[in-house]
């Protein structure tokens, strides 16, 4: 990430395809980074949203897979156009209700008054009754379940129990239409819908659509498509086989809407993301159910790197490194450095926002006319109108006009810049901490603050994504620095900083702790010549 980043192609300017989906407080961060990313969308949801798009594009209305690969092959991303992708939503009405809402199954099992041979019919009646009383979706009848399980109530009950065990983030008390399953087959990939089973943006906020578009525009799009189809859209996983029996054969799609907006038609960050996806998915020895976790952790890291790269391109500031604490905060000096650079990653995004606004408005004729106008009231009105038209900021102006009077153009511009940086939702600088915390490369403690620090799960993801054959630990650290800007040892500290941010001994200790932790995880071996090698035990190169 700290290498010179090639200049990206000009931004894609077409956004009319978004329709009402582009309704924002102002169109600034969306123009720089994409529409849209939200803080509430956890990293695993980003990947689930990608897979939900892949599922609906790859499977026809009749439930059969298309013979050709239809994912990550949409063209049209040029400086003057945008992918025209309509994304229907598979609602999974019956499966969601059975798994997350129905309470009759266990009650029937415990009710000794119901004869064993009557349990299945009793359950179906309870499902139909409960569903019709609660859910406003017509034409649903759970009678198909009896044929799917050959009349065996116990087989159906066990299938429900097993699939329920695949629920992600079980402790989170979301509505039942926003609960998700481990993606081990197409039937298990669930969309986010509201209580009327209409597509919602409560937890799928379009961030996954941005990831989809990045992969679609990458040089490895076809490779990733092949691997996603192999591991997430197949029908051979035992969990998928069970889940498919719980799903009716009827068409369960909505009409769908257009995909979100990604401004640049090419960018090195897209290829870096696709390379990590391809690296993890092509680890044939890594069991398919274990691929999802490193995938979402690396996706989050790649997003943070993308935000940093874009901010640098706009603001002209250098891309700041990521000093990654291995000690869990035990080294106070390293922790403070890491904390400082986490804040710098947020600040450079704010700097880019301000730079973009000032540069763009400076070229607007109406703005310059307002600056030169002598009447204060007219000057103020023209300035606001220029800001609104340039940045699609009518909603901001409506809020500001209710509490503000006549102001000079420069004052209005400062107010707009402040509002853009500090907006409550969909603020890129506010996303970095929750992304990092949920993925294992940011830690927050009440007494110590928030800083870049790696969990064991994140360290494992780094190895799986970047290591094929055995490499020395020095080469591993150099690779992490060149690729993501991650600084762990003293060599990378010297390369990353003009002046040491703390004593080099802190980074020497950091390196020692990293080696110890990777050794405990089974990814480092120290040979007799006192050279430590990082090995990916799931790699073909390692096995050969």
Protein backbone atom coordinates (compact mmCIF):
# COMPACT_ATOMS: atom_id res chain seq x y z
CA UNK A 1 0.00 0.00 0.00
CA UNK A 2 2.91 2.35 0.60
CA UNK A 3 4.29 1.87 -2.89
CA UNK A 4 3.46 4.54 -5.43
CA UNK A 5 -0.19 4.02 -6.34
CA UNK A 6 -0.84 4.43 -10.05
CA UNK A 7 -3.28 7.16 -10.96
CA UNK A 8 -6.76 5.67 -11.28
CA UNK A 9 -8.93 6.23 -14.30
CA UNK A 10 -11.31 9.15 -14.24
CA UNK A 11 -14.40 8.69 -12.05
CA UNK A 12 -17.53 7.16 -13.49
CA UNK A 13 -19.94 10.09 -13.38
CA UNK A 14 -23.22 8.34 -14.21
CA UNK A 15 -25.43 7.90 -11.13
CA UNK A 16 -28.92 8.20 -12.59
CA UNK A 17 -29.26 4.40 -12.43
CA UNK A 18 -29.51 4.64 -8.64
CA UNK A 19 -32.84 6.45 -8.66
CA UNK A 20 -34.14 7.01 -5.14
CA UNK A 21 -31.27 4.94 -3.78
CA UNK A 22 -28.98 7.93 -4.21
CA UNK A 23 -30.92 10.07 -1.74
CA UNK A 24 -28.23 11.35 0.62
CA UNK A 25 -27.63 14.33 2.84
CA UNK A 26 -24.96 15.47 0.39
CA UNK A 27 -23.10 13.78 -2.46
CA UNK A 28 -19.45 14.14 -1.43
CA UNK A 29 -18.13 11.04 0.31
CA UNK A 30 -20.22 8.97 -2.11
CA UNK A 31 -18.51 10.65 -5.04
CA UNK A 32 -15.09 9.85 -3.58
CA UNK A 33 -15.61 6.33 -2.18
CA UNK A 34 -18.92 4.97 -3.49
CA UNK A 35 -22.59 4.78 -2.58
CA UNK A 36 -22.60 3.55 0.01
CA UNK A 37 -20.83 2.26 3.11
CA UNK A 38 -22.49 2.30 6.53
CA UNK A 39 -21.06 1.77 10.00
CA UNK A 40 -23.73 -0.75 10.97
CA UNK A 41 -22.70 -3.24 8.28
CA UNK A 42 -20.35 -5.72 9.92
CA UNK A 43 -17.58 -7.25 7.77
CA UNK A 44 -19.24 -10.65 7.59
CA UNK A 45 -22.39 -8.93 6.30
CA UNK A 46 -20.36 -7.26 3.56
CA UNK A 47 -19.31 -10.67 2.25
CA UNK A 48 -22.81 -12.12 2.72
CA UNK A 49 -24.22 -9.26 0.65
CA UNK A 50 -21.70 -10.04 -2.11
CA UNK A 51 -22.68 -13.71 -2.04
CA UNK A 52 -26.39 -12.85 -2.08
CA UNK A 53 -25.81 -10.88 -5.29
CA UNK A 54 -23.83 -13.77 -6.76
CA UNK A 55 -26.57 -16.21 -5.86
CA UNK A 56 -29.40 -14.29 -7.48
CA UNK A 57 -27.37 -13.64 -10.65
CA UNK A 58 -26.24 -17.24 -11.03
CA UNK A 59 -29.51 -19.05 -10.33
CA UNK A 60 -32.47 -18.72 -12.68
CA UNK A 61 -36.11 -18.14 -11.77
CA UNK A 62 -36.66 -21.91 -11.96
CA UNK A 63 -34.02 -22.51 -9.27
CA UNK A 64 -31.48 -24.00 -11.67
CA UNK A 65 -27.93 -22.80 -12.11
CA UNK A 66 -27.00 -21.10 -15.36
CA UNK A 67 -24.40 -23.09 -17.26
CA UNK A 68 -22.31 -19.99 -17.89
CA UNK A 69 -20.80 -17.87 -15.15
CA UNK A 70 -22.95 -14.77 -14.71
CA UNK A 71 -21.18 -13.30 -11.69
CA UNK A 72 -18.36 -10.74 -11.94
CA UNK A 73 -18.76 -10.54 -15.71
CA UNK A 74 -20.87 -7.39 -16.08
CA UNK A 75 -19.16 -4.91 -18.34
CA UNK A 76 -19.81 -1.25 -18.92
CA UNK A 77 -17.54 0.28 -16.27
CA UNK A 78 -15.93 2.99 -18.32
CA UNK A 79 -15.25 6.66 -17.51
CA UNK A 80 -18.69 7.45 -18.90
CA UNK A 81 -20.89 4.56 -17.80
CA UNK A 82 -21.63 2.21 -14.95
CA UNK A 83 -22.59 -1.44 -14.71
CA UNK A 84 -26.28 -1.90 -15.35
CA UNK A 85 -27.04 -4.64 -12.85
CA UNK A 86 -30.52 -5.21 -11.48
CA UNK A 87 -30.45 -7.20 -8.26
CA UNK A 88 -33.61 -9.09 -7.34
CA UNK A 89 -33.86 -10.37 -3.78
CA UNK A 90 -34.59 -13.98 -2.88
CA UNK A 91 -36.74 -13.56 0.19
CA UNK A 92 -36.39 -17.07 1.71
CA UNK A 93 -39.77 -16.56 3.35
CA UNK A 94 -40.47 -20.13 4.42
CA UNK A 95 -36.93 -20.96 5.53
CA UNK A 96 -36.64 -17.83 7.67
CA UNK A 97 -39.99 -18.45 9.31
CA UNK A 98 -39.21 -22.08 10.09
CA UNK A 99 -35.76 -21.36 11.51
CA UNK A 100 -36.13 -18.06 13.30
CA UNK A 101 -39.80 -17.46 14.08
CA UNK A 102 -41.70 -20.71 14.50
CA UNK A 103 -41.96 -21.94 18.08
CA UNK A 104 -44.33 -24.84 17.52
CA UNK A 105 -41.79 -27.54 16.62
CA UNK A 106 -40.39 -28.16 20.09
CA UNK A 107 -43.83 -27.72 21.67
CA UNK A 108 -45.19 -30.51 19.49
CA UNK A 109 -42.29 -32.80 20.44
CA UNK A 110 -42.97 -32.24 24.14
CA UNK A 111 -46.76 -32.62 23.89
CA UNK A 112 -47.47 -36.24 24.79
CA UNK A 113 -51.10 -35.85 23.72
CA UNK A 114 -50.03 -35.74 20.05
CA UNK A 115 -49.44 -39.18 18.58
CA UNK A 116 -46.11 -39.59 16.76
CA UNK A 117 -47.86 -40.26 13.44
CA UNK A 118 -49.82 -37.00 13.80
CA UNK A 119 -46.90 -34.73 14.63
CA UNK A 120 -45.97 -33.75 11.08
CA UNK A 121 -49.53 -32.73 10.17
CA UNK A 122 -49.85 -30.85 13.45
CA UNK A 123 -46.62 -28.98 12.76
CA UNK A 124 -47.70 -28.01 9.24
CA UNK A 125 -51.02 -26.73 10.58
CA UNK A 126 -49.21 -24.71 13.24
CA UNK A 127 -46.81 -23.26 10.65
CA UNK A 128 -49.61 -22.25 8.29
CA UNK A 129 -51.69 -20.76 11.10
CA UNK A 130 -48.84 -18.81 12.66
CA UNK A 131 -47.57 -17.58 9.31
CA UNK A 132 -50.96 -16.38 8.09
CA UNK A 133 -51.56 -14.53 11.36
CA UNK A 134 -48.22 -12.73 11.32
CA UNK A 135 -46.73 -12.39 7.84
CA UNK A 136 -48.31 -10.54 4.93
CA UNK A 137 -47.11 -12.81 2.15
CA UNK A 138 -49.78 -14.61 0.15
CA UNK A 139 -49.67 -18.13 -1.24
CA UNK A 140 -47.47 -19.74 1.40
CA UNK A 141 -48.31 -23.29 2.45
CA UNK A 142 -45.89 -25.49 4.35
CA UNK A 143 -47.49 -28.76 3.20
CA UNK A 144 -44.51 -29.38 0.86
CA UNK A 145 -42.38 -30.27 3.90
CA UNK A 146 -44.05 -33.64 4.39
CA UNK A 147 -43.07 -34.85 0.93
CA UNK A 148 -39.55 -33.43 1.26
CA UNK A 149 -38.93 -35.57 4.36
CA UNK A 150 -40.99 -38.60 3.28
CA UNK A 151 -43.36 -38.02 6.16
CA UNK A 152 -40.61 -38.36 8.79
CA UNK A 153 -41.24 -35.72 11.43
CA UNK A 154 -38.03 -36.61 13.27
CA UNK A 155 -35.92 -36.15 10.13
CA UNK A 156 -37.48 -32.71 9.60
CA UNK A 157 -36.89 -31.75 13.22
CA UNK A 158 -33.24 -32.78 13.04
CA UNK A 159 -32.79 -30.83 9.78
CA UNK A 160 -34.17 -27.69 11.42
CA UNK A 161 -31.93 -28.19 14.43
CA UNK A 162 -28.80 -28.59 12.28
CA UNK A 163 -29.53 -25.57 10.07
CA UNK A 164 -30.34 -23.43 13.10
CA UNK A 165 -26.87 -24.29 14.37
CA UNK A 166 -25.40 -22.43 11.39
CA UNK A 167 -26.80 -19.08 12.52
CA UNK A 168 -24.18 -16.31 12.58
CA UNK A 169 -23.88 -13.80 15.42
CA UNK A 170 -26.39 -15.69 17.54
CA UNK A 171 -26.25 -13.31 20.51
CA UNK A 172 -27.32 -10.31 18.44
CA UNK A 173 -31.02 -9.69 19.01
CA UNK A 174 -32.01 -8.59 15.49
CA UNK A 175 -35.42 -9.07 13.93
CA UNK A 176 -35.81 -12.57 12.55
CA UNK A 177 -35.76 -11.34 8.93
CA UNK A 178 -32.26 -9.95 9.50
CA UNK A 179 -30.67 -13.11 10.86
CA UNK A 180 -28.10 -14.91 8.73
CA UNK A 181 -26.60 -18.36 8.23
CA UNK A 182 -23.10 -19.58 7.42
CA UNK A 183 -22.95 -19.56 3.60
CA UNK A 184 -22.41 -23.21 2.77
CA UNK A 185 -24.74 -23.31 -0.23
CA UNK A 186 -27.23 -21.10 -2.10
CA UNK A 187 -30.19 -21.95 0.14
CA UNK A 188 -28.19 -20.78 3.16
CA UNK A 189 -27.32 -17.35 1.70
CA UNK A 190 -29.95 -14.98 3.07
CA UNK A 191 -30.77 -11.40 2.14
CA UNK A 192 -31.69 -8.64 4.55
CA UNK A 193 -35.45 -8.01 4.37
CA UNK A 194 -37.95 -6.18 6.53
CA UNK A 195 -40.90 -7.77 8.33
CA UNK A 196 -42.94 -7.64 5.11
CA UNK A 197 -40.11 -9.50 3.33
CA UNK A 198 -39.27 -6.47 1.22
CA UNK A 199 -35.56 -5.75 0.58
CA UNK A 200 -34.21 -3.54 3.35
CA UNK A 201 -31.02 -1.59 3.99
CA UNK A 202 -30.94 -1.95 7.76
CA UNK A 203 -27.91 -4.28 7.72
CA UNK A 204 -27.12 -4.70 4.01
CA UNK A 205 -26.38 -1.04 3.46
CA UNK A 206 -24.89 -1.40 -0.08
CA UNK A 207 -21.33 -1.95 1.16
CA UNK A 208 -21.45 -5.47 -0.22
CA UNK A 209 -22.56 -4.04 -3.55
CA UNK A 210 -19.41 -1.91 -3.54
CA UNK A 211 -17.30 -5.01 -2.86
CA UNK A 212 -19.10 -6.81 -5.69
CA UNK A 213 -18.32 -3.95 -8.10
CA UNK A 214 -14.68 -3.85 -6.99
CA UNK A 215 -14.31 -7.56 -7.70
CA UNK A 216 -16.21 -7.17 -10.97
CA UNK A 217 -13.75 -4.48 -12.12
CA UNK A 218 -10.64 -6.35 -11.00
CA UNK A 219 -8.21 -8.22 -13.23
CA UNK A 220 -9.08 -11.49 -11.45
CA UNK A 221 -12.86 -11.22 -11.81
CA UNK A 222 -13.25 -14.49 -13.73
CA UNK A 223 -11.01 -16.40 -11.30
CA UNK A 224 -12.95 -15.18 -8.27
CA UNK A 225 -16.25 -15.94 -10.00
CA UNK A 226 -15.19 -19.53 -10.58
CA UNK A 227 -14.15 -20.02 -6.95
CA UNK A 228 -17.26 -18.35 -5.50
CA UNK A 229 -19.41 -20.62 -7.65
CA UNK A 230 -17.44 -23.66 -6.49
CA UNK A 231 -17.57 -23.00 -2.75
CA UNK A 232 -20.72 -21.00 -2.11
CA UNK A 233 -23.19 -21.78 -4.89
CA UNK A 234 -22.84 -25.56 -5.15
CA UNK A 235 -25.38 -28.12 -4.02
CA UNK A 236 -23.12 -30.79 -2.52
CA UNK A 237 -22.51 -29.51 1.02
CA UNK A 238 -24.52 -31.62 3.50
CA UNK A 239 -25.91 -28.45 5.11
CA UNK A 240 -27.10 -27.18 1.72
CA UNK A 241 -28.76 -30.52 0.98
CA UNK A 242 -30.71 -30.30 4.24
CA UNK A 243 -31.59 -26.62 3.80
CA UNK A 244 -32.84 -27.23 0.24
CA UNK A 245 -35.40 -29.69 1.62
CA UNK A 246 -36.81 -26.91 3.81
CA UNK A 247 -37.21 -24.54 0.86
CA UNK A 248 -40.20 -24.74 -1.55
CA UNK A 249 -39.68 -24.84 -5.30
CA UNK A 250 -41.79 -21.74 -5.94
CA UNK A 251 -40.29 -18.51 -7.28
CA UNK A 252 -39.45 -16.34 -4.28
CA UNK A 253 -37.83 -13.31 -5.96
CA UNK A 254 -38.62 -9.65 -5.78
CA UNK A 255 -38.36 -7.48 -8.89
CA UNK A 256 -35.09 -6.01 -7.64
CA UNK A 257 -33.34 -2.69 -8.03
CA UNK A 258 -30.11 -1.25 -9.45
CA UNK A 259 -26.75 -1.92 -7.84
CA UNK A 260 -24.96 0.86 -5.95
CA UNK A 261 -22.46 3.37 -7.29
CA UNK A 262 -18.67 2.92 -7.41
CA UNK A 263 -16.90 5.98 -8.85
CA UNK A 264 -13.63 4.67 -10.34
CA UNK A 265 -13.65 2.18 -13.18
CA UNK A 266 -10.18 0.84 -12.26
CA UNK A 267 -8.06 0.98 -9.13
CA UNK A 268 -5.15 -1.07 -7.69
CA UNK A 269 -7.25 -1.67 -4.57
CA UNK A 270 -9.74 -3.68 -6.62
CA UNK A 271 -7.01 -6.04 -7.79
CA UNK A 272 -5.53 -6.34 -4.29
CA UNK A 273 -8.95 -7.31 -2.92
CA UNK A 274 -9.54 -9.84 -5.69
CA UNK A 275 -6.08 -11.34 -5.18
CA UNK A 276 -6.87 -11.95 -1.50
CA UNK A 277 -10.24 -13.51 -2.32
CA UNK A 278 -8.64 -15.74 -4.94
CA UNK A 279 -5.78 -16.70 -2.61
CA UNK A 280 -8.12 -17.82 0.17
CA UNK A 281 -10.67 -19.54 -2.05
CA UNK A 282 -8.02 -21.53 -3.96
CA UNK A 283 -6.62 -23.09 -0.79
CA UNK A 284 -7.95 -26.55 -1.67
CA UNK A 285 -6.88 -28.07 1.65
CA UNK A 286 -8.72 -25.43 3.65
CA UNK A 287 -12.20 -26.87 4.28
CA UNK A 288 -14.91 -24.88 2.53
CA UNK A 289 -16.74 -23.92 5.76
CA UNK A 290 -13.50 -22.35 7.04
CA UNK A 291 -13.01 -20.00 4.09
CA UNK A 292 -15.69 -17.50 5.04
CA UNK A 293 -14.00 -16.12 8.17
CA UNK A 294 -10.60 -15.17 6.68
CA UNK A 295 -12.48 -13.85 3.65
CA UNK A 296 -14.43 -11.27 5.61
CA UNK A 297 -11.43 -10.28 7.75
CA UNK A 298 -9.30 -9.60 4.69
CA UNK A 299 -12.17 -7.82 2.97
CA UNK A 300 -12.36 -5.37 5.88
CA UNK A 301 -8.60 -4.74 5.76
CA UNK A 302 -8.78 -4.15 2.03
CA UNK A 303 -11.57 -1.62 2.52
CA UNK A 304 -9.47 0.35 5.01
CA UNK A 305 -6.59 0.31 2.52
CA UNK A 306 -8.94 1.44 -0.27
CA UNK A 307 -10.18 4.35 1.84
CA UNK A 308 -6.57 5.37 2.58
CA UNK A 309 -5.55 5.13 -1.07
CA UNK A 310 -8.51 7.19 -2.26
CA UNK A 311 -7.93 9.80 0.42
CA UNK A 312 -4.28 10.11 -0.62
CA UNK A 313 -5.21 10.49 -4.27
CA UNK A 314 -7.60 13.33 -3.47
CA UNK A 315 -5.77 15.16 -0.68
CA UNK A 316 -2.22 14.57 -1.87
CA UNK A 317 -1.22 13.37 1.60
CA UNK A 318 0.99 10.31 2.02
CA UNK A 319 -0.70 7.01 2.79
CA UNK A 320 -0.13 6.42 6.48
CA UNK A 321 1.16 3.02 7.64
CA UNK A 322 -0.69 0.65 9.95
CA UNK A 323 1.52 -0.02 13.02
CA UNK A 324 0.03 -3.34 14.13
CA UNK A 325 0.48 -4.09 17.82
CA UNK A 326 1.15 -7.77 18.59
CA UNK A 327 1.48 -7.27 22.34
CA UNK A 328 -2.15 -6.45 23.10
CA UNK A 329 -1.20 -3.07 24.52
CA UNK A 330 1.49 -4.40 26.84
CA UNK A 331 4.03 -2.06 25.24
CA UNK A 332 2.65 1.39 25.99
CA UNK A 333 4.93 3.17 23.49
CA UNK A 334 3.88 0.94 20.61
CA UNK A 335 0.25 1.22 21.65
CA UNK A 336 0.44 5.03 21.56
CA UNK A 337 2.05 4.99 18.10
CA UNK A 338 -0.61 2.64 16.82
CA UNK A 339 -3.35 4.77 18.35
CA UNK A 340 -1.93 7.88 16.72
CA UNK A 341 -1.86 6.31 13.26
CA UNK A 342 -5.39 4.98 13.58
CA UNK A 343 -6.46 8.58 14.14
CA UNK A 344 -4.35 9.67 11.18
CA UNK A 345 -6.20 7.20 8.95
CA UNK A 346 -9.43 8.89 9.95
CA UNK A 347 -8.01 12.39 9.57
CA UNK A 348 -6.74 11.87 6.03
CA UNK A 349 -10.27 10.95 4.96
CA UNK A 350 -11.58 14.19 6.42
CA UNK A 351 -8.75 16.05 4.67
CA UNK A 352 -9.71 14.46 1.36
CA UNK A 353 -13.34 15.46 1.83
CA UNK A 354 -12.37 19.09 2.43
CA UNK A 355 -9.90 19.15 -0.46
CA UNK A 356 -12.47 17.72 -2.85
CA UNK A 357 -15.14 20.23 -1.84
CA UNK A 358 -12.86 23.25 -2.13
CA UNK A 359 -11.39 22.20 -5.47
CA UNK A 360 -14.75 21.37 -7.02
CA UNK A 361 -16.60 24.49 -5.86
CA UNK A 362 -13.73 26.72 -7.01
CA UNK A 363 -14.49 25.80 -10.61
CA UNK A 364 -18.23 26.55 -10.39
CA UNK A 365 -19.15 29.77 -12.18
CA UNK A 366 -22.20 30.50 -10.01
CA UNK A 367 -20.07 30.20 -6.88
CA UNK A 368 -17.57 32.71 -8.17
CA UNK A 369 -20.39 35.06 -9.09
CA UNK A 370 -21.70 34.76 -5.53
CA UNK A 371 -18.26 35.59 -4.14
CA UNK A 372 -18.21 38.80 -6.16
CA UNK A 373 -21.80 39.90 -5.51
CA UNK A 374 -22.22 43.01 -3.36
CA UNK A 375 -25.68 42.41 -1.86
CA UNK A 376 -25.26 40.23 1.29
CA UNK A 377 -28.66 38.51 1.04
CA UNK A 378 -28.29 37.70 -2.65
CA UNK A 379 -24.70 36.65 -2.10
CA UNK A 380 -25.75 34.27 0.69
CA UNK A 381 -28.61 32.77 -1.31
CA UNK A 382 -26.46 32.25 -4.41
CA UNK A 383 -23.72 30.60 -2.34
CA UNK A 384 -26.12 28.08 -0.80
CA UNK A 385 -27.67 27.37 -4.19
CA UNK A 386 -24.22 26.73 -5.69
CA UNK A 387 -23.33 24.29 -2.92
CA UNK A 388 -26.66 22.50 -3.28
CA UNK A 389 -26.34 22.11 -7.05
CA UNK A 390 -22.68 21.13 -7.00
CA UNK A 391 -22.95 18.52 -4.25
CA UNK A 392 -26.61 17.48 -4.47
CA UNK A 393 -27.04 18.86 -0.94
CA UNK A 394 -30.67 19.99 -0.81
CA UNK A 395 -31.32 18.03 2.36
CA UNK A 396 -28.38 19.74 4.04
CA UNK A 397 -29.59 23.15 2.86
CA UNK A 398 -33.10 22.50 4.16
CA UNK A 399 -31.68 21.71 7.60
CA UNK A 400 -29.26 24.64 7.57
CA UNK A 401 -31.84 27.16 6.34
CA UNK A 402 -34.10 26.42 9.29
CA UNK A 403 -31.51 27.67 11.77
CA UNK A 404 -29.20 29.95 9.82
CA UNK A 405 -29.59 33.45 8.37
CA UNK A 406 -27.59 35.48 5.88
CA UNK A 407 -23.94 34.45 5.73
CA UNK A 408 -20.93 35.11 3.56
CA UNK A 409 -20.12 32.38 0.99
CA UNK A 410 -16.94 31.38 2.81
CA UNK A 411 -18.92 30.87 6.03
CA UNK A 412 -21.49 28.73 4.22
CA UNK A 413 -18.70 26.67 2.68
CA UNK A 414 -17.06 26.10 6.06
CA UNK A 415 -20.40 25.03 7.50
CA UNK A 416 -20.95 22.62 4.63
CA UNK A 417 -17.46 21.13 4.96
CA UNK A 418 -17.99 20.64 8.68
CA UNK A 419 -21.38 18.98 8.09
CA UNK A 420 -19.86 16.69 5.47
CA UNK A 421 -17.11 15.54 7.81
CA UNK A 422 -19.33 15.16 10.84
CA UNK A 423 -22.49 13.67 9.37
CA UNK A 424 -24.11 11.09 11.61
CA UNK A 425 -24.48 8.24 9.12
CA UNK A 426 -22.47 6.80 6.24
CA UNK A 427 -19.31 8.60 7.34
CA UNK A 428 -16.21 6.85 5.99
CA UNK A 429 -13.86 8.09 8.71
CA UNK A 430 -16.23 6.67 11.33
CA UNK A 431 -16.23 3.24 9.67
CA UNK A 432 -12.60 2.33 10.23
CA UNK A 433 -12.88 1.51 13.94
CA UNK A 434 -15.96 -0.76 13.72
CA UNK A 435 -14.55 -2.46 10.61
CA UNK A 436 -11.25 -3.12 12.36
CA UNK A 437 -12.79 -4.22 15.66
CA UNK A 438 -15.12 -6.70 13.99
CA UNK A 439 -12.30 -8.11 11.85
CA UNK A 440 -9.58 -8.34 14.48
CA UNK A 441 -7.12 -5.57 13.58
CA UNK A 442 -8.43 -2.84 15.91
CA UNK A 443 -8.91 -3.14 19.65
CA UNK A 444 -10.72 -0.77 22.01
CA UNK A 445 -10.30 -0.65 25.78
CA UNK A 446 -11.92 1.82 28.09
CA UNK A 447 -8.76 2.64 29.99
CA UNK A 448 -6.36 2.65 27.04
CA UNK A 449 -8.26 3.85 23.98
CA UNK A 450 -8.49 2.40 20.46
CA UNK A 451 -5.56 1.29 18.31
CA UNK A 452 -4.39 -1.13 15.60
CA UNK A 453 -3.85 -4.51 17.23
CA UNK A 454 -4.08 -8.02 15.75
CA UNK A 455 -6.16 -10.93 17.02
CA UNK A 456 -5.06 -14.52 16.39
CA UNK A 457 -7.89 -14.91 13.88
CA UNK A 458 -6.71 -11.89 11.93
CA UNK A 459 -3.10 -13.12 11.93
CA UNK A 460 -4.28 -16.42 10.52
CA UNK A 461 -6.21 -14.59 7.80
CA UNK A 462 -3.06 -12.66 6.85
CA UNK A 463 -1.11 -15.89 6.46
CA UNK A 464 -3.85 -17.61 4.45
CA UNK A 465 -4.14 -14.65 2.07
CA UNK A 466 -0.44 -13.93 1.49
CA UNK A 467 1.67 -17.05 2.02
CA UNK A 468 1.99 -19.93 -0.42
CA UNK A 469 5.38 -21.59 -0.08
CA UNK A 470 7.41 -21.18 3.11
CA UNK A 471 9.01 -17.74 3.40
CA UNK A 472 11.23 -16.21 6.04
CA UNK A 473 9.49 -14.16 8.65
CA UNK A 474 11.46 -11.13 7.43
CA UNK A 475 10.08 -11.59 3.91
CA UNK A 476 6.59 -12.10 5.34
CA UNK A 477 6.76 -8.79 7.21
CA UNK A 478 8.16 -6.99 4.15
CA UNK A 479 5.27 -8.36 2.09
CA UNK A 480 2.68 -7.17 4.61
CA UNK A 481 4.21 -3.71 4.56
CA UNK A 482 4.42 -3.41 0.79
CA UNK A 483 0.92 -4.80 0.28
CA UNK A 484 -1.12 -3.24 3.11
CA UNK A 485 1.19 -0.78 4.84
CA UNK A 486 1.29 -2.97 7.96
CA UNK A 487 4.31 -2.24 10.17
CA UNK A 488 5.31 -4.88 12.72
CA UNK A 489 9.11 -5.22 12.96
CA UNK A 490 12.08 -2.82 13.11
CA UNK A 491 12.94 -3.12 9.40
CA UNK A 492 9.50 -1.91 8.35
CA UNK A 493 9.57 0.78 11.04
CA UNK A 494 12.73 2.23 9.50
CA UNK A 495 11.18 2.19 6.02
CA UNK A 496 7.80 3.60 7.05
CA UNK A 497 8.82 6.55 9.21
CA UNK A 498 11.20 9.40 8.47
CA UNK A 499 11.79 9.68 12.19
CA UNK A 500 11.28 6.78 14.61
CA UNK A 501 7.90 7.27 16.34
CA UNK A 502 9.27 5.47 19.40
CA UNK A 503 12.34 3.51 20.42
CA UNK A 504 13.15 0.68 18.01
CA UNK A 505 13.08 -1.77 20.91
CA UNK A 506 9.27 -1.56 20.87
CA UNK A 507 9.17 -2.94 17.33
CA UNK A 508 11.81 -5.56 18.14
CA UNK A 509 9.60 -6.78 20.97
CA UNK A 510 6.61 -6.65 18.63
CA UNK A 511 8.42 -8.95 16.20
CA UNK A 512 9.32 -11.42 18.95
CA UNK A 513 5.70 -11.58 20.11
CA UNK A 514 4.47 -12.06 16.55
CA UNK A 515 6.79 -15.03 16.02
CA UNK A 516 5.69 -16.56 19.30
CA UNK A 517 2.03 -16.16 18.44
CA UNK A 518 2.39 -17.54 14.91
CA UNK A 519 4.36 -20.48 16.31
CA UNK A 520 1.52 -21.21 18.70
CA UNK A 521 -0.94 -21.08 15.79
CA UNK A 522 1.20 -23.54 13.82
CA UNK A 523 2.31 -21.13 11.10
CA UNK A 524 6.00 -20.55 12.05
CA UNK A 525 8.86 -23.02 12.26
CA UNK A 526 12.35 -22.09 13.40
CA UNK A 527 15.00 -24.24 11.74
CA UNK A 528 18.36 -25.35 13.09
CA UNK A 529 20.15 -22.48 11.35
CA UNK A 530 18.08 -20.12 13.53
CA UNK A 531 15.98 -18.91 10.59
CA UNK A 532 12.21 -18.65 11.16
CA UNK A 533 9.88 -19.55 8.29
CA UNK A 534 6.19 -18.71 7.93
CA UNK A 535 4.27 -21.61 6.39
CA UNK A 536 0.68 -21.86 5.18
CA UNK A 537 -0.24 -25.43 6.06
CA UNK A 538 -3.21 -25.31 3.68
CA UNK A 539 -1.16 -24.33 0.63
CA UNK A 540 -0.30 -26.73 -2.17
CA UNK A 541 3.20 -25.28 -2.29
CA UNK A 542 3.65 -26.13 1.37
CA UNK A 543 2.34 -29.67 0.91
CA UNK A 544 4.51 -30.32 -2.12
